[in-house]
C-alpha atoms as a PDB file:
ATOM      1  CA  MET A   1      77.223  16.845  47.697  1.00  0.00           C
ATOM      2  CA  LYS A   2      77.310  13.264  48.976  1.00  0.00           C
ATOM      3  CA  LYS A   3      73.542  13.614  49.675  1.00  0.00           C
ATOM      4  CA  PHE A   4      73.011  14.066  45.913  1.00  0.00           C
ATOM      5  CA  ALA A   5      75.669  11.729  44.559  1.00  0.00           C
ATOM      6  CA  ILE A   6      73.105   9.304  43.127  1.00  0.00           C
ATOM      7  CA  GLU A   7      71.210  12.137  41.318  1.00  0.00           C
ATOM      8  CA  ILE A   8      74.443  13.583  39.956  1.00  0.00           C
ATOM      9  CA  LYS A   9      75.450  10.047  38.715  1.00  0.00           C
ATOM     10  CA  TRP A  10      72.133   9.468  37.022  1.00  0.00           C
ATOM     11  CA  GLY A  11      72.126  13.041  35.515  1.00  0.00           C
ATOM     12  CA  ILE A  12      75.484  12.267  33.890  1.00  0.00           C
ATOM     13  CA  ILE A  13      74.291   8.830  32.733  1.00  0.00           C
ATOM     14  CA  PHE A  14      71.235  10.442  31.232  1.00  0.00           C
ATOM     15  CA  SER A  15      73.365  12.958  29.318  1.00  0.00           C
ATOM     16  CA  ILE A  16      75.671  10.199  28.105  1.00  0.00           C
ATOM     17  CA  VAL A  17      72.780   8.106  26.959  1.00  0.00           C
ATOM     18  CA  SER A  18      71.229  11.156  25.182  1.00  0.00           C
ATOM     19  CA  LEU A  19      74.561  11.470  23.220  1.00  0.00           C
ATOM     20  CA  ILE A  20      74.481   7.848  22.305  1.00  0.00           C
ATOM     21  CA  TRP A  21      70.924   8.329  21.172  1.00  0.00           C
ATOM     22  CA  MET A  22      72.182  11.161  18.841  1.00  0.00           C
ATOM     23  CA  PHE A  23      74.675   8.703  17.305  1.00  0.00           C
ATOM     24  CA  LEU A  24      71.816   6.337  16.712  1.00  0.00           C
ATOM     25  CA  GLU A  25      69.663   8.999  15.181  1.00  0.00           C
ATOM     26  CA  LYS A  26      72.584  10.069  12.999  1.00  0.00           C
ATOM     27  CA  GLY A  27      73.381   6.474  12.021  1.00  0.00           C
ATOM     28  CA  LEU A  28      69.723   5.830  11.025  1.00  0.00           C
ATOM     29  CA  GLY A  29      69.833   8.859   8.841  1.00  0.00           C
ATOM     30  CA  TRP A  30      67.269  10.911  10.767  1.00  0.00           C
ATOM     31  CA  HIS A  31      69.593  13.915  10.603  1.00  0.00           C
ATOM     32  CA  ASP A  32      70.111  13.778   6.785  1.00  0.00           C
ATOM     33  CA  GLU A  33      68.645  11.437   4.178  1.00  0.00           C
ATOM     34  CA  ASN A  34      65.732  10.368   6.449  1.00  0.00           C
ATOM     35  CA  ILE A  35      65.185  13.684   8.034  1.00  0.00           C
ATOM     36  CA  ALA A  36      61.393  13.470   7.304  1.00  0.00           C
ATOM     37  CA  GLN A  37      61.121  10.726   9.988  1.00  0.00           C
ATOM     38  CA  HIS A  38      63.109  12.520  12.556  1.00  0.00           C
ATOM     39  CA  ALA A  39      60.273  14.462  14.092  1.00  0.00           C
ATOM     40  CA  ILE A  40      58.396  11.282  14.698  1.00  0.00           C
ATOM     41  CA  TYR A  41      61.126   8.830  15.747  1.00  0.00           C
ATOM     42  CA  THR A  42      63.117  11.118  17.888  1.00  0.00           C
ATOM     43  CA  ASN A  43      60.175  10.854  20.396  1.00  0.00           C
ATOM     44  CA  LEU A  44      61.090   7.250  21.134  1.00  0.00           C
ATOM     45  CA  PHE A  45      63.813   8.695  23.329  1.00  0.00           C
ATOM     46  CA  ALA A  46      61.047   9.348  25.853  1.00  0.00           C
ATOM     47  CA  ILE A  47      60.882   5.643  26.548  1.00  0.00           C
ATOM     48  CA  VAL A  48      64.604   5.634  27.271  1.00  0.00           C
ATOM     49  CA  ALA A  49      64.332   8.669  29.462  1.00  0.00           C
ATOM     50  CA  ILE A  50      61.522   7.167  31.561  1.00  0.00           C
ATOM     51  CA  ILE A  51      63.481   3.985  32.046  1.00  0.00           C
ATOM     52  CA  ILE A  52      66.533   6.033  33.214  1.00  0.00           C
ATOM     53  CA  TYR A  53      64.419   7.937  35.724  1.00  0.00           C
ATOM     54  CA  VAL A  54      62.903   4.745  37.001  1.00  0.00           C
ATOM     55  CA  LEU A  55      66.317   3.161  37.476  1.00  0.00           C
ATOM     56  CA  ALA A  56      67.604   6.305  39.109  1.00  0.00           C
ATOM     57  CA  LEU A  57      64.818   6.545  41.619  1.00  0.00           C
ATOM     58  CA  LEU A  58      65.029   2.754  42.329  1.00  0.00           C
ATOM     59  CA  ASP A  59      68.727   3.333  42.928  1.00  0.00           C
ATOM     60  CA  LYS A  60      68.061   6.205  45.281  1.00  0.00           C
ATOM     61  CA  ARG A  61      65.330   4.108  47.203  1.00  0.00           C
ATOM     62  CA  LYS A  62      67.643   1.109  47.562  1.00  0.00           C
ATOM     63  CA  ASN A  63      70.954   2.750  48.347  1.00  0.00           C
ATOM     64  CA  PHE A  64      70.060   6.009  50.094  1.00  0.00           C
ATOM     65  CA  PHE A  65      66.651   5.500  51.641  1.00  0.00           C
ATOM     66  CA  HIS A  66      67.305   1.779  52.534  1.00  0.00           C
ATOM     67  CA  GLY A  67      64.422   0.333  50.534  1.00  0.00           C
ATOM     68  CA  LYS A  68      61.798   2.870  51.563  1.00  0.00           C
ATOM     69  CA  MET A  69      60.969   6.081  49.855  1.00  0.00           C
ATOM     70  CA  THR A  70      58.070   8.529  49.951  1.00  0.00           C
ATOM     71  CA  TRP A  71      56.589  10.156  46.891  1.00  0.00           C
ATOM     72  CA  SER A  72      58.106  13.481  47.886  1.00  0.00           C
ATOM     73  CA  GLN A  73      61.584  12.086  48.488  1.00  0.00           C
ATOM     74  CA  GLY A  74      61.454  10.411  45.013  1.00  0.00           C
ATOM     75  CA  PHE A  75      60.050  13.622  43.468  1.00  0.00           C
ATOM     76  CA  ILE A  76      62.809  15.777  44.994  1.00  0.00           C
ATOM     77  CA  SER A  77      65.397  13.269  43.777  1.00  0.00           C
ATOM     78  CA  GLY A  78      63.959  13.361  40.341  1.00  0.00           C
ATOM     79  CA  ILE A  79      63.997  17.193  40.345  1.00  0.00           C
ATOM     80  CA  ILE A  80      67.778  17.103  41.286  1.00  0.00           C
ATOM     81  CA  ILE A  81      68.421  14.716  38.398  1.00  0.00           C
ATOM     82  CA  SER A  82      66.514  17.137  36.131  1.00  0.00           C
ATOM     83  CA  ILE A  83      68.596  19.992  37.235  1.00  0.00           C
ATOM     84  CA  VAL A  84      71.785  18.057  36.649  1.00  0.00           C
ATOM     85  CA  VAL A  85      70.536  17.077  33.061  1.00  0.00           C
ATOM     86  CA  ALA A  86      69.516  20.750  32.421  1.00  0.00           C
ATOM     87  CA  ILE A  87      72.994  22.005  33.516  1.00  0.00           C
ATOM     88  CA  LEU A  88      74.655  19.483  31.315  1.00  0.00           C
ATOM     89  CA  SER A  89      72.376  20.047  28.305  1.00  0.00           C
ATOM     90  CA  PRO A  90      74.384  22.969  26.712  1.00  0.00           C
ATOM     91  CA  LEU A  91      77.448  20.784  26.699  1.00  0.00           C
ATOM     92  CA  ALA A  92      75.447  17.876  25.253  1.00  0.00           C
ATOM     93  CA  GLN A  93      73.962  20.042  22.557  1.00  0.00           C
ATOM     94  CA  TYR A  94      77.445  21.491  21.719  1.00  0.00           C
ATOM     95  CA  ILE A  95      78.880  17.952  21.422  1.00  0.00           C
ATOM     96  CA  THR A  96      75.856  16.795  19.327  1.00  0.00           C
ATOM     97  CA  HIS A  97      75.956  19.567  16.806  1.00  0.00           C
ATOM     98  CA  GLU A  98      79.686  20.192  16.586  1.00  0.00           C
ATOM     99  CA  PHE A  99      80.933  16.565  16.585  1.00  0.00           C
ATOM    100  CA  ILE A 100      78.144  14.034  16.125  1.00  0.00           C
ATOM    101  CA  THR A 101      76.014  15.670  13.517  1.00  0.00           C
ATOM    102  CA  PRO A 102      77.495  19.014  12.409  1.00  0.00           C
ATOM    103  CA  ASP A 103      75.275  19.223   9.282  1.00  0.00           C
ATOM    104  CA  TYR A 104      71.997  18.772  11.165  1.00  0.00           C
ATOM    105  CA  PHE A 105      70.959  22.391  11.352  1.00  0.00           C
ATOM    106  CA  GLU A 106      71.749  22.907   7.606  1.00  0.00           C
ATOM    107  CA  ASN A 107      69.727  19.715   6.686  1.00  0.00           C
ATOM    108  CA  VAL A 108      66.698  20.496   8.841  1.00  0.00           C
ATOM    109  CA  ILE A 109      66.542  24.117   7.710  1.00  0.00           C
ATOM    110  CA  ALA A 110      66.607  22.945   3.968  1.00  0.00           C
ATOM    111  CA  PHE A 111      63.999  20.266   4.765  1.00  0.00           C
ATOM    112  CA  THR A 112      61.724  22.692   6.614  1.00  0.00           C
ATOM    113  CA  VAL A 113      61.913  25.305   3.912  1.00  0.00           C
ATOM    114  CA  GLU A 114      61.435  22.811   1.038  1.00  0.00           C
ATOM    115  CA  LYS A 115      58.342  21.344   2.891  1.00  0.00           C
ATOM    116  CA  GLY A 116      57.022  24.869   3.239  1.00  0.00           C
ATOM    117  CA  ALA A 117      56.734  24.714   6.951  1.00  0.00           C
ATOM    118  CA  MET A 118      58.768  27.866   7.613  1.00  0.00           C
ATOM    119  CA  SER A 119      60.545  30.598   5.710  1.00  0.00           C
ATOM    120  CA  LYS A 120      64.269  30.321   5.472  1.00  0.00           C
ATOM    121  CA  GLU A 121      64.729  33.147   7.930  1.00  0.00           C
ATOM    122  CA  ALA A 122      62.381  31.668  10.411  1.00  0.00           C
ATOM    123  CA  ALA A 123      63.990  28.198  10.130  1.00  0.00           C
ATOM    124  CA  GLU A 124      67.470  29.731  10.714  1.00  0.00           C
ATOM    125  CA  GLU A 125      66.204  31.524  13.677  1.00  0.00           C
ATOM    126  CA  TYR A 126      64.732  28.315  15.204  1.00  0.00           C
ATOM    127  CA  PHE A 127      67.213  25.694  14.116  1.00  0.00           C
ATOM    128  CA  ASN A 128      70.654  26.857  15.504  1.00  0.00           C
ATOM    129  CA  LEU A 129      72.872  25.877  18.453  1.00  0.00           C
ATOM    130  CA  THR A 130      71.876  28.865  20.666  1.00  0.00           C
ATOM    131  CA  SER A 131      68.160  28.095  20.168  1.00  0.00           C
ATOM    132  CA  TYR A 132      68.626  24.391  20.877  1.00  0.00           C
ATOM    133  CA  ILE A 133      70.719  25.082  23.977  1.00  0.00           C
ATOM    134  CA  ILE A 134      67.952  27.181  25.409  1.00  0.00           C
ATOM    135  CA  GLN A 135      65.140  24.701  24.422  1.00  0.00           C
ATOM    136  CA  SER A 136      67.051  21.738  25.751  1.00  0.00           C
ATOM    137  CA  PHE A 137      67.754  23.397  29.130  1.00  0.00           C
ATOM    138  CA  PHE A 138      64.081  24.367  29.698  1.00  0.00           C
ATOM    139  CA  PHE A 139      62.720  21.170  28.204  1.00  0.00           C
ATOM    140  CA  ALA A 140      64.992  19.130  30.558  1.00  0.00           C
ATOM    141  CA  LEU A 141      63.631  21.046  33.535  1.00  0.00           C
ATOM    142  CA  VAL A 142      59.978  20.998  32.634  1.00  0.00           C
ATOM    143  CA  VAL A 143      59.713  17.412  31.281  1.00  0.00           C
ATOM    144  CA  GLY A 144      62.165  16.133  33.972  1.00  0.00           C
ATOM    145  CA  VAL A 145      59.869  17.570  36.871  1.00  0.00           C
ATOM    146  CA  VAL A 146      56.778  15.988  35.245  1.00  0.00           C
ATOM    147  CA  THR A 147      58.476  12.680  34.720  1.00  0.00           C
ATOM    148  CA  SER A 148      59.873  12.846  38.241  1.00  0.00           C
ATOM    149  CA  ALA A 149      56.337  13.242  39.692  1.00  0.00           C
ATOM    150  CA  ILE A 150      54.963  10.307  37.797  1.00  0.00           C
ATOM    151  CA  VAL A 151      57.877   8.005  38.313  1.00  0.00           C
ATOM    152  CA  ALA A 152      58.041   8.843  42.044  1.00  0.00           C
ATOM    153  CA  TYR A 153      54.448   7.813  42.309  1.00  0.00           C
ATOM    154  CA  PHE A 154      55.156   4.324  41.117  1.00  0.00           C
ATOM    155  CA  VAL A 155      58.583   3.890  42.791  1.00  0.00           C
ATOM    156  CA  LYS A 156      57.535   4.973  46.332  1.00  0.00           C
ATOM    157  CA  LYS A 157      57.609   2.276  48.834  1.00  0.00           C
ATOM    158  CA  LYS A 158      56.666   2.346  52.575  1.00  0.00           C
END
């Protein structure tokens, strides 16, 4: 486990930062009165996520690989971070929807139905804790692997 201590640390940091982001979204009203803007502005978290992956791989390069890191070493490190984030994502979703923003699903269902984007039944099937846990787990893996590949390319050092 010591071999992956840096990845575990950064996976935990990522999860904590994502919870802080949820507080920010809730505070800005993107989960209730300004829910119409949520779909657009929630994507800003991608910038934060990339920065975290850059910092994580720089940490790995400096403190594990002694200043040198190949693309594949960085990519593998990023994949491990993505796995940690995916494993923690159900807990993060639970905390988000039970404590930070417990009315989110009710609000987004009402907004989606009112907008005519989905029927009430379809919205209820899509916007619920189980669905979000599954989505966040796979999203963390897929997007994490892609992000890792790109960030590792820029962070590699001979």
